[in-house]
Amino acid sequence: MDDEADIQLAPLSWHIDRDEGSMTVSFHGGVDENVNLDDLAEELAGEVTFDLRGVTFINSCGVREWVNLMRSLTRVRTLAFTHCSTAVVAQLNLVFNFRGNAEVRSVYVPYYCHACDSECSCLHEIEGKSLDQVLQSLPRLCDSCGAEMECDELPERYFAFLMVS
């Protein structure tokens, strides 16, 4: 098995950083039928940020566990999602209550360059922006050749979760 497959199949783990009334939870690995988020839910309170850049995949059983986590965060005053991986964005668009009451602040967007066949994933800050504002901010130049890159997803579909209030 190659390194990329090993990373994608890694079980979900997390690390909590605490800082005077706020918490940041950094997730790594896959959300699947083997994840148990009950212990995590019991630890969270106040202002919480989920850093989701390390979430590599989410299956249907994992979605159920995640939605149950969102429902159980009764002591969390505010919840924000940052650095959402493409796997997380897919679920934000497919599962209505995947984010619970969380505000989505930033997401990774996949890009492709037709000129040199390069691919990359770039972070976009979306907090407080409308869908139109996000779509206007998408164009970017390729780091390899300088040509304009294209979003490797249909932008209106990729950011559909922004239309849900």
N, C-alpha and C. Protein backbone atom coordinates (compact mmCIF):
# COMPACT_ATOMS: atom_id res chain seq x y z
N MET A 1 0.84 -1.18 0.00
CA MET A 1 0.00 0.00 0.00
C MET A 1 0.89 1.24 0.00
N ASP A 2 0.53 2.26 -0.80
CA ASP A 2 1.37 3.45 -0.84
C ASP A 2 1.03 4.40 0.30
N ASP A 3 1.88 5.42 0.48
CA ASP A 3 1.71 6.35 1.60
C ASP A 3 0.38 7.07 1.56
N GLU A 4 -0.07 7.49 0.36
CA GLU A 4 -1.34 8.22 0.25
C GLU A 4 -2.50 7.34 0.70
N ALA A 5 -2.52 6.08 0.31
CA ALA A 5 -3.58 5.17 0.73
C ALA A 5 -3.53 4.95 2.23
N ASP A 6 -2.33 4.84 2.80
CA ASP A 6 -2.20 4.68 4.26
C ASP A 6 -2.80 5.88 4.99
N ILE A 7 -2.54 7.07 4.49
CA ILE A 7 -3.06 8.28 5.12
C ILE A 7 -4.57 8.30 5.02
N GLN A 8 -5.12 7.96 3.85
CA GLN A 8 -6.56 8.01 3.67
C GLN A 8 -7.27 6.99 4.56
N LEU A 9 -6.66 5.84 4.80
CA LEU A 9 -7.29 4.81 5.60
C LEU A 9 -7.04 4.95 7.11
N ALA A 10 -6.27 5.93 7.50
CA ALA A 10 -5.97 6.12 8.92
C ALA A 10 -7.25 6.40 9.69
N PRO A 11 -7.41 5.79 10.86
CA PRO A 11 -8.61 6.06 11.67
C PRO A 11 -8.59 7.51 12.18
N LEU A 12 -9.76 8.04 12.44
CA LEU A 12 -9.87 9.41 12.90
C LEU A 12 -9.23 9.58 14.27
N SER A 13 -8.44 10.62 14.38
CA SER A 13 -7.87 11.02 15.66
C SER A 13 -8.05 12.53 15.77
N TRP A 14 -7.87 13.05 16.97
CA TRP A 14 -8.00 14.49 17.15
C TRP A 14 -7.10 14.95 18.28
N HIS A 15 -6.82 16.24 18.25
CA HIS A 15 -6.03 16.88 19.28
C HIS A 15 -6.74 18.18 19.66
N ILE A 16 -6.87 18.45 20.95
CA ILE A 16 -7.54 19.66 21.42
C ILE A 16 -6.52 20.64 21.98
N ASP A 17 -6.54 21.85 21.44
CA ASP A 17 -5.75 22.96 21.99
C ASP A 17 -6.71 23.87 22.73
N ARG A 18 -6.40 24.15 24.00
CA ARG A 18 -7.26 25.02 24.82
C ARG A 18 -6.57 26.36 25.02
N ASP A 19 -7.38 27.45 24.96
CA ASP A 19 -6.83 28.79 25.15
C ASP A 19 -7.91 29.70 25.73
N GLU A 20 -7.90 29.90 27.02
CA GLU A 20 -8.80 30.82 27.74
C GLU A 20 -10.21 30.88 27.16
N GLY A 21 -11.00 29.88 27.41
CA GLY A 21 -12.40 29.87 27.00
C GLY A 21 -12.67 29.40 25.59
N SER A 22 -11.63 29.12 24.83
CA SER A 22 -11.85 28.61 23.48
C SER A 22 -11.05 27.32 23.29
N MET A 23 -11.52 26.54 22.36
CA MET A 23 -10.87 25.26 22.05
C MET A 23 -10.77 25.12 20.54
N THR A 24 -9.66 24.57 20.08
CA THR A 24 -9.51 24.19 18.68
C THR A 24 -9.25 22.70 18.63
N VAL A 25 -10.08 22.01 17.88
CA VAL A 25 -9.94 20.56 17.71
C VAL A 25 -9.44 20.30 16.29
N SER A 26 -8.26 19.71 16.19
CA SER A 26 -7.68 19.35 14.90
C SER A 26 -7.91 17.87 14.66
N PHE A 27 -8.55 17.56 13.55
CA PHE A 27 -8.90 16.18 13.20
C PHE A 27 -7.94 15.66 12.13
N HIS A 28 -7.67 14.34 12.19
CA HIS A 28 -6.82 13.69 11.20
C HIS A 28 -7.36 12.28 10.95
N GLY A 29 -7.46 11.91 9.68
CA GLY A 29 -7.88 10.56 9.33
C GLY A 29 -9.30 10.51 8.79
N GLY A 30 -9.84 9.30 8.76
CA GLY A 30 -11.15 9.06 8.19
C GLY A 30 -12.24 8.91 9.22
N VAL A 31 -13.42 9.38 8.85
CA VAL A 31 -14.60 9.27 9.71
C VAL A 31 -15.42 8.11 9.16
N ASP A 32 -15.41 7.01 9.91
CA ASP A 32 -16.10 5.81 9.44
C ASP A 32 -16.81 5.10 10.59
N GLU A 33 -17.20 3.85 10.35
CA GLU A 33 -17.95 3.08 11.35
C GLU A 33 -17.15 2.78 12.61
N ASN A 34 -15.86 2.97 12.58
CA ASN A 34 -15.02 2.68 13.74
C ASN A 34 -14.83 3.87 14.67
N VAL A 35 -15.32 5.03 14.29
CA VAL A 35 -15.10 6.22 15.10
C VAL A 35 -16.13 6.30 16.23
N ASN A 36 -15.65 6.71 17.40
CA ASN A 36 -16.53 6.96 18.53
C ASN A 36 -16.23 8.36 19.02
N LEU A 37 -17.19 9.26 18.84
CA LEU A 37 -16.99 10.67 19.15
C LEU A 37 -17.60 11.07 20.49
N ASP A 38 -18.10 10.10 21.26
CA ASP A 38 -18.75 10.40 22.54
C ASP A 38 -17.79 11.08 23.52
N ASP A 39 -16.57 10.57 23.63
CA ASP A 39 -15.60 11.17 24.56
C ASP A 39 -15.27 12.60 24.16
N LEU A 40 -15.16 12.84 22.87
CA LEU A 40 -14.87 14.18 22.39
C LEU A 40 -16.01 15.13 22.76
N ALA A 41 -17.23 14.72 22.54
CA ALA A 41 -18.39 15.57 22.83
C ALA A 41 -18.40 16.00 24.29
N GLU A 42 -18.03 15.12 25.18
CA GLU A 42 -18.04 15.43 26.61
C GLU A 42 -17.00 16.48 26.98
N GLU A 43 -15.93 16.59 26.20
CA GLU A 43 -14.84 17.54 26.50
C GLU A 43 -15.11 18.95 26.00
N LEU A 44 -16.04 19.11 25.07
CA LEU A 44 -16.18 20.39 24.38
C LEU A 44 -17.20 21.31 25.05
N ALA A 45 -16.80 22.57 25.20
CA ALA A 45 -17.68 23.60 25.77
C ALA A 45 -17.17 24.96 25.36
N GLY A 46 -18.04 25.96 25.41
CA GLY A 46 -17.65 27.33 25.10
C GLY A 46 -17.51 27.57 23.61
N GLU A 47 -16.46 28.30 23.24
CA GLU A 47 -16.18 28.59 21.83
C GLU A 47 -15.28 27.49 21.28
N VAL A 48 -15.75 26.83 20.23
CA VAL A 48 -15.01 25.69 19.68
C VAL A 48 -14.82 25.88 18.18
N THR A 49 -13.60 25.58 17.73
CA THR A 49 -13.28 25.58 16.31
C THR A 49 -12.81 24.19 15.93
N PHE A 50 -13.37 23.66 14.85
CA PHE A 50 -12.92 22.39 14.30
C PHE A 50 -12.03 22.69 13.10
N ASP A 51 -10.76 22.30 13.17
CA ASP A 51 -9.83 22.40 12.05
C ASP A 51 -9.92 21.05 11.32
N LEU A 52 -10.50 21.08 10.12
CA LEU A 52 -10.86 19.85 9.42
C LEU A 52 -9.97 19.53 8.22
N ARG A 53 -8.80 20.16 8.15
CA ARG A 53 -7.91 19.94 7.00
C ARG A 53 -7.42 18.49 6.93
N GLY A 54 -7.36 17.79 8.04
CA GLY A 54 -6.83 16.45 8.06
C GLY A 54 -7.85 15.34 7.86
N VAL A 55 -9.12 15.70 7.62
CA VAL A 55 -10.15 14.68 7.39
C VAL A 55 -10.03 14.20 5.95
N THR A 56 -9.69 12.93 5.79
CA THR A 56 -9.38 12.40 4.46
C THR A 56 -10.57 11.73 3.76
N PHE A 57 -11.49 11.19 4.52
CA PHE A 57 -12.69 10.61 3.92
C PHE A 57 -13.76 10.47 4.99
N ILE A 58 -15.01 10.35 4.53
CA ILE A 58 -16.15 10.18 5.44
C ILE A 58 -17.11 9.23 4.74
N ASN A 59 -17.41 8.10 5.39
CA ASN A 59 -18.40 7.20 4.79
C ASN A 59 -19.75 7.40 5.48
N SER A 60 -20.75 6.65 5.03
CA SER A 60 -22.12 6.86 5.53
C SER A 60 -22.24 6.59 7.03
N CYS A 61 -21.55 5.60 7.53
CA CYS A 61 -21.57 5.34 8.97
C CYS A 61 -20.89 6.48 9.73
N GLY A 62 -19.84 7.00 9.15
CA GLY A 62 -19.15 8.14 9.74
C GLY A 62 -20.02 9.38 9.77
N VAL A 63 -20.83 9.57 8.72
CA VAL A 63 -21.76 10.70 8.69
C VAL A 63 -22.73 10.60 9.87
N ARG A 64 -23.24 9.41 10.12
CA ARG A 64 -24.16 9.22 11.25
C ARG A 64 -23.49 9.60 12.56
N GLU A 65 -22.27 9.15 12.77
CA GLU A 65 -21.55 9.48 14.01
C GLU A 65 -21.29 10.98 14.11
N TRP A 66 -20.94 11.60 12.99
CA TRP A 66 -20.66 13.04 12.98
C TRP A 66 -21.92 13.84 13.31
N VAL A 67 -23.04 13.48 12.69
CA VAL A 67 -24.30 14.19 12.95
C VAL A 67 -24.70 14.01 14.41
N ASN A 68 -24.49 12.83 14.96
CA ASN A 68 -24.76 12.63 16.39
C ASN A 68 -23.87 13.52 17.26
N LEU A 69 -22.61 13.69 16.84
CA LEU A 69 -21.71 14.60 17.56
C LEU A 69 -22.28 16.01 17.53
N MET A 70 -22.70 16.48 16.37
CA MET A 70 -23.24 17.84 16.24
C MET A 70 -24.44 18.04 17.18
N ARG A 71 -25.28 17.03 17.28
CA ARG A 71 -26.47 17.11 18.14
C ARG A 71 -26.11 17.12 19.63
N SER A 72 -24.98 16.52 19.97
CA SER A 72 -24.63 16.36 21.38
C SER A 72 -23.82 17.51 21.96
N LEU A 73 -23.51 18.52 21.16
CA LEU A 73 -22.66 19.62 21.62
C LEU A 73 -23.48 20.69 22.36
N THR A 74 -24.14 20.29 23.41
CA THR A 74 -25.05 21.19 24.13
C THR A 74 -24.31 22.24 24.95
N ARG A 75 -23.06 22.01 25.30
CA ARG A 75 -22.31 22.98 26.09
C ARG A 75 -21.44 23.91 25.22
N VAL A 76 -21.53 23.73 23.91
CA VAL A 76 -20.77 24.56 22.99
C VAL A 76 -21.61 25.79 22.63
N ARG A 77 -21.04 26.98 22.93
CA ARG A 77 -21.73 28.25 22.65
C ARG A 77 -21.65 28.60 21.18
N THR A 78 -20.45 28.55 20.62
CA THR A 78 -20.26 28.81 19.19
C THR A 78 -19.35 27.73 18.61
N LEU A 79 -19.65 27.35 17.38
CA LEU A 79 -18.88 26.32 16.70
C LEU A 79 -18.53 26.83 15.31
N ALA A 80 -17.27 26.69 14.94
CA ALA A 80 -16.81 27.08 13.61
C ALA A 80 -16.03 25.95 12.99
N PHE A 81 -16.17 25.79 11.66
CA PHE A 81 -15.38 24.85 10.88
C PHE A 81 -14.36 25.66 10.08
N THR A 82 -13.08 25.29 10.17
CA THR A 82 -12.06 25.93 9.37
C THR A 82 -11.27 24.87 8.60
N HIS A 83 -10.62 25.32 7.55
CA HIS A 83 -9.75 24.45 6.75
C HIS A 83 -10.46 23.16 6.32
N CYS A 84 -11.72 23.28 5.91
CA CYS A 84 -12.50 22.10 5.52
C CYS A 84 -11.87 21.43 4.30
N SER A 85 -11.56 20.15 4.45
CA SER A 85 -11.02 19.37 3.33
C SER A 85 -12.12 19.15 2.29
N THR A 86 -11.73 18.67 1.12
CA THR A 86 -12.73 18.41 0.09
C THR A 86 -13.70 17.31 0.53
N ALA A 87 -13.24 16.37 1.36
CA ALA A 87 -14.13 15.34 1.89
C ALA A 87 -15.21 15.95 2.78
N VAL A 88 -14.85 16.95 3.56
CA VAL A 88 -15.81 17.63 4.43
C VAL A 88 -16.78 18.45 3.59
N VAL A 89 -16.26 19.17 2.60
CA VAL A 89 -17.14 19.98 1.75
C VAL A 89 -18.17 19.11 1.06
N ALA A 90 -17.78 17.93 0.62
CA ALA A 90 -18.74 17.02 -0.02
C ALA A 90 -19.89 16.70 0.93
N GLN A 91 -19.59 16.45 2.18
CA GLN A 91 -20.65 16.14 3.15
C GLN A 91 -21.48 17.37 3.50
N LEU A 92 -20.86 18.54 3.55
CA LEU A 92 -21.62 19.77 3.79
C LEU A 92 -22.69 19.94 2.71
N ASN A 93 -22.37 19.51 1.50
CA ASN A 93 -23.32 19.64 0.39
C ASN A 93 -24.32 18.51 0.32
N LEU A 94 -23.99 17.36 0.87
CA LEU A 94 -24.89 16.20 0.78
C LEU A 94 -25.80 16.02 1.98
N VAL A 95 -25.33 16.39 3.16
CA VAL A 95 -26.06 16.08 4.40
C VAL A 95 -26.46 17.40 5.05
N PHE A 96 -27.75 17.67 5.08
CA PHE A 96 -28.28 18.96 5.56
C PHE A 96 -27.75 19.33 6.93
N ASN A 97 -27.76 18.42 7.88
CA ASN A 97 -27.37 18.75 9.26
C ASN A 97 -25.94 18.35 9.60
N PHE A 98 -25.10 18.18 8.59
CA PHE A 98 -23.71 17.79 8.84
C PHE A 98 -22.97 18.83 9.66
N ARG A 99 -23.24 20.10 9.44
CA ARG A 99 -22.53 21.13 10.20
C ARG A 99 -23.24 21.58 11.46
N GLY A 100 -24.42 21.04 11.72
CA GLY A 100 -25.15 21.47 12.91
C GLY A 100 -25.30 22.98 12.89
N ASN A 101 -24.90 23.65 13.96
CA ASN A 101 -24.98 25.11 14.04
C ASN A 101 -23.65 25.79 13.70
N ALA A 102 -22.73 25.06 13.15
CA ALA A 102 -21.40 25.60 12.89
C ALA A 102 -21.41 26.62 11.75
N GLU A 103 -20.53 27.60 11.88
CA GLU A 103 -20.26 28.54 10.81
C GLU A 103 -19.04 28.01 10.06
N VAL A 104 -19.15 27.92 8.74
CA VAL A 104 -18.02 27.47 7.93
C VAL A 104 -17.19 28.70 7.57
N ARG A 105 -15.93 28.71 8.00
CA ARG A 105 -15.08 29.89 7.81
C ARG A 105 -14.10 29.76 6.65
N SER A 106 -13.62 28.54 6.39
CA SER A 106 -12.66 28.38 5.29
C SER A 106 -12.70 26.95 4.77
N VAL A 107 -12.45 26.82 3.45
CA VAL A 107 -12.47 25.51 2.80
C VAL A 107 -11.31 25.41 1.82
N TYR A 108 -10.85 24.20 1.59
CA TYR A 108 -9.88 23.94 0.54
C TYR A 108 -10.63 23.70 -0.76
N VAL A 109 -10.13 24.31 -1.82
CA VAL A 109 -10.73 24.20 -3.14
C VAL A 109 -9.72 23.53 -4.07
N PRO A 110 -10.14 22.47 -4.77
CA PRO A 110 -9.23 21.80 -5.71
C PRO A 110 -9.14 22.58 -7.03
N TYR A 111 -7.92 22.70 -7.55
CA TYR A 111 -7.68 23.41 -8.80
C TYR A 111 -6.92 22.52 -9.77
N TYR A 112 -7.11 22.84 -11.06
CA TYR A 112 -6.40 22.14 -12.12
C TYR A 112 -5.92 23.15 -13.16
N CYS A 113 -4.69 22.96 -13.63
CA CYS A 113 -4.12 23.82 -14.68
C CYS A 113 -4.07 23.02 -15.98
N HIS A 114 -4.82 23.48 -16.97
CA HIS A 114 -4.82 22.81 -18.27
C HIS A 114 -3.51 23.01 -19.01
N ALA A 115 -2.83 24.11 -18.73
CA ALA A 115 -1.60 24.44 -19.45
C ALA A 115 -0.45 23.48 -19.11
N CYS A 116 -0.32 23.12 -17.83
CA CYS A 116 0.83 22.28 -17.44
C CYS A 116 0.42 21.02 -16.68
N ASP A 117 -0.88 20.76 -16.60
CA ASP A 117 -1.40 19.54 -15.97
C ASP A 117 -1.13 19.49 -14.46
N SER A 118 -1.00 20.65 -13.82
CA SER A 118 -0.77 20.71 -12.36
C SER A 118 -2.09 20.69 -11.62
N GLU A 119 -2.03 20.16 -10.42
CA GLU A 119 -3.18 20.17 -9.51
C GLU A 119 -2.73 20.73 -8.17
N CYS A 120 -3.64 21.40 -7.50
CA CYS A 120 -3.35 21.86 -6.15
C CYS A 120 -4.67 22.07 -5.42
N SER A 121 -4.56 22.24 -4.14
CA SER A 121 -5.71 22.53 -3.30
C SER A 121 -5.37 23.80 -2.52
N CYS A 122 -6.22 24.82 -2.63
CA CYS A 122 -5.92 26.12 -2.03
C CYS A 122 -7.01 26.51 -1.04
N LEU A 123 -6.58 27.09 0.05
CA LEU A 123 -7.50 27.51 1.10
C LEU A 123 -8.19 28.81 0.70
N HIS A 124 -9.52 28.83 0.87
CA HIS A 124 -10.32 30.03 0.62
C HIS A 124 -11.07 30.41 1.89
N GLU A 125 -10.89 31.66 2.31
CA GLU A 125 -11.64 32.19 3.44
C GLU A 125 -13.03 32.55 2.93
N ILE A 126 -14.08 32.01 3.56
CA ILE A 126 -15.43 32.28 3.08
C ILE A 126 -16.31 32.90 4.16
N GLU A 127 -15.77 33.08 5.34
CA GLU A 127 -16.55 33.62 6.45
C GLU A 127 -17.18 34.95 6.07
N GLY A 128 -18.50 35.03 6.22
CA GLY A 128 -19.22 36.27 5.98
C GLY A 128 -19.40 36.62 4.51
N LYS A 129 -19.00 35.75 3.59
CA LYS A 129 -19.11 36.05 2.16
C LYS A 129 -20.34 35.37 1.57
N SER A 130 -20.92 36.04 0.60
CA SER A 130 -22.03 35.45 -0.16
C SER A 130 -21.46 34.49 -1.19
N LEU A 131 -22.32 33.70 -1.79
CA LEU A 131 -21.89 32.78 -2.84
C LEU A 131 -21.24 33.55 -3.99
N ASP A 132 -21.84 34.67 -4.39
CA ASP A 132 -21.27 35.48 -5.48
C ASP A 132 -19.87 35.97 -5.13
N GLN A 133 -19.68 36.43 -3.90
CA GLN A 133 -18.35 36.92 -3.49
C GLN A 133 -17.32 35.79 -3.51
N VAL A 134 -17.72 34.62 -3.07
CA VAL A 134 -16.80 33.48 -3.08
C VAL A 134 -16.44 33.11 -4.51
N LEU A 135 -17.43 33.05 -5.39
CA LEU A 135 -17.18 32.69 -6.78
C LEU A 135 -16.25 33.70 -7.46
N GLN A 136 -16.39 34.97 -7.12
CA GLN A 136 -15.51 36.00 -7.70
C GLN A 136 -14.08 35.87 -7.21
N SER A 137 -13.89 35.28 -6.03
CA SER A 137 -12.54 35.16 -5.47
C SER A 137 -11.81 33.90 -5.93
N LEU A 138 -12.44 33.07 -6.74
CA LEU A 138 -11.86 31.78 -7.12
C LEU A 138 -10.69 31.85 -8.10
N PRO A 139 -10.68 32.72 -9.09
CA PRO A 139 -9.58 32.66 -10.05
C PRO A 139 -8.21 32.76 -9.38
N ARG A 140 -7.29 31.92 -9.85
CA ARG A 140 -5.92 31.94 -9.33
C ARG A 140 -4.97 31.50 -10.44
N LEU A 141 -3.74 31.94 -10.30
CA LEU A 141 -2.72 31.59 -11.27
C LEU A 141 -1.92 30.38 -10.79
N CYS A 142 -1.51 29.58 -11.74
CA CYS A 142 -0.73 28.37 -11.46
C CYS A 142 0.66 28.76 -10.96
N ASP A 143 1.08 28.13 -9.86
CA ASP A 143 2.42 28.36 -9.33
C ASP A 143 3.50 27.81 -10.26
N SER A 144 3.17 26.80 -11.06
CA SER A 144 4.17 26.18 -11.93
C SER A 144 4.41 26.95 -13.22
N CYS A 145 3.31 27.40 -13.88
CA CYS A 145 3.47 28.01 -15.20
C CYS A 145 2.88 29.40 -15.33
N GLY A 146 2.11 29.84 -14.36
CA GLY A 146 1.53 31.18 -14.40
C GLY A 146 0.22 31.29 -15.14
N ALA A 147 -0.26 30.21 -15.73
CA ALA A 147 -1.55 30.23 -16.42
C ALA A 147 -2.68 30.26 -15.40
N GLU A 148 -3.87 30.67 -15.85
CA GLU A 148 -5.01 30.68 -14.95
C GLU A 148 -5.48 29.25 -14.72
N MET A 149 -5.66 28.92 -13.44
CA MET A 149 -6.14 27.60 -13.08
C MET A 149 -7.66 27.61 -13.01
N GLU A 150 -8.23 26.43 -13.06
CA GLU A 150 -9.68 26.27 -13.03
C GLU A 150 -10.05 25.47 -11.79
N CYS A 151 -11.14 25.85 -11.17
CA CYS A 151 -11.65 25.06 -10.05
C CYS A 151 -11.97 23.67 -10.60
N ASP A 152 -11.49 22.63 -9.93
CA ASP A 152 -11.63 21.26 -10.42
C ASP A 152 -12.98 20.65 -10.04
N GLU A 153 -13.87 21.46 -9.57
CA GLU A 153 -15.26 21.07 -9.29
C GLU A 153 -16.14 22.14 -9.93
N LEU A 154 -17.42 21.86 -10.10
CA LEU A 154 -18.33 22.91 -10.54
C LEU A 154 -18.51 23.86 -9.36
N PRO A 155 -18.04 25.09 -9.46
CA PRO A 155 -18.04 25.99 -8.30
C PRO A 155 -19.41 26.16 -7.64
N GLU A 156 -20.47 26.29 -8.43
CA GLU A 156 -21.80 26.47 -7.85
C GLU A 156 -22.22 25.26 -7.02
N ARG A 157 -21.80 24.08 -7.45
CA ARG A 157 -22.11 22.87 -6.69
C ARG A 157 -21.19 22.71 -5.49
N TYR A 158 -19.92 23.03 -5.66
CA TYR A 158 -18.96 22.89 -4.58
C TYR A 158 -19.31 23.77 -3.39
N PHE A 159 -19.84 24.95 -3.69
CA PHE A 159 -20.19 25.90 -2.64
C PHE A 159 -21.69 25.96 -2.39
N ALA A 160 -22.44 24.94 -2.79
CA ALA A 160 -23.89 24.94 -2.61
C ALA A 160 -24.28 25.07 -1.14
N PHE A 161 -23.46 24.58 -0.24
CA PHE A 161 -23.77 24.65 1.18
C PHE A 161 -23.92 26.10 1.66
N LEU A 162 -23.37 27.05 0.93
CA LEU A 162 -23.51 28.46 1.30
C LEU A 162 -24.93 28.98 1.10
N MET A 163 -25.69 28.31 0.26
CA MET A 163 -27.05 28.76 -0.02
C MET A 163 -28.04 28.28 1.04
N VAL A 164 -27.61 27.37 1.91
CA VAL A 164 -28.46 26.84 2.97
C VAL A 164 -28.27 27.72 4.20
N SER A 165 -29.36 28.25 4.71
CA SER A 165 -29.22 29.12 5.89
C SER A 165 -29.29 28.35 7.19
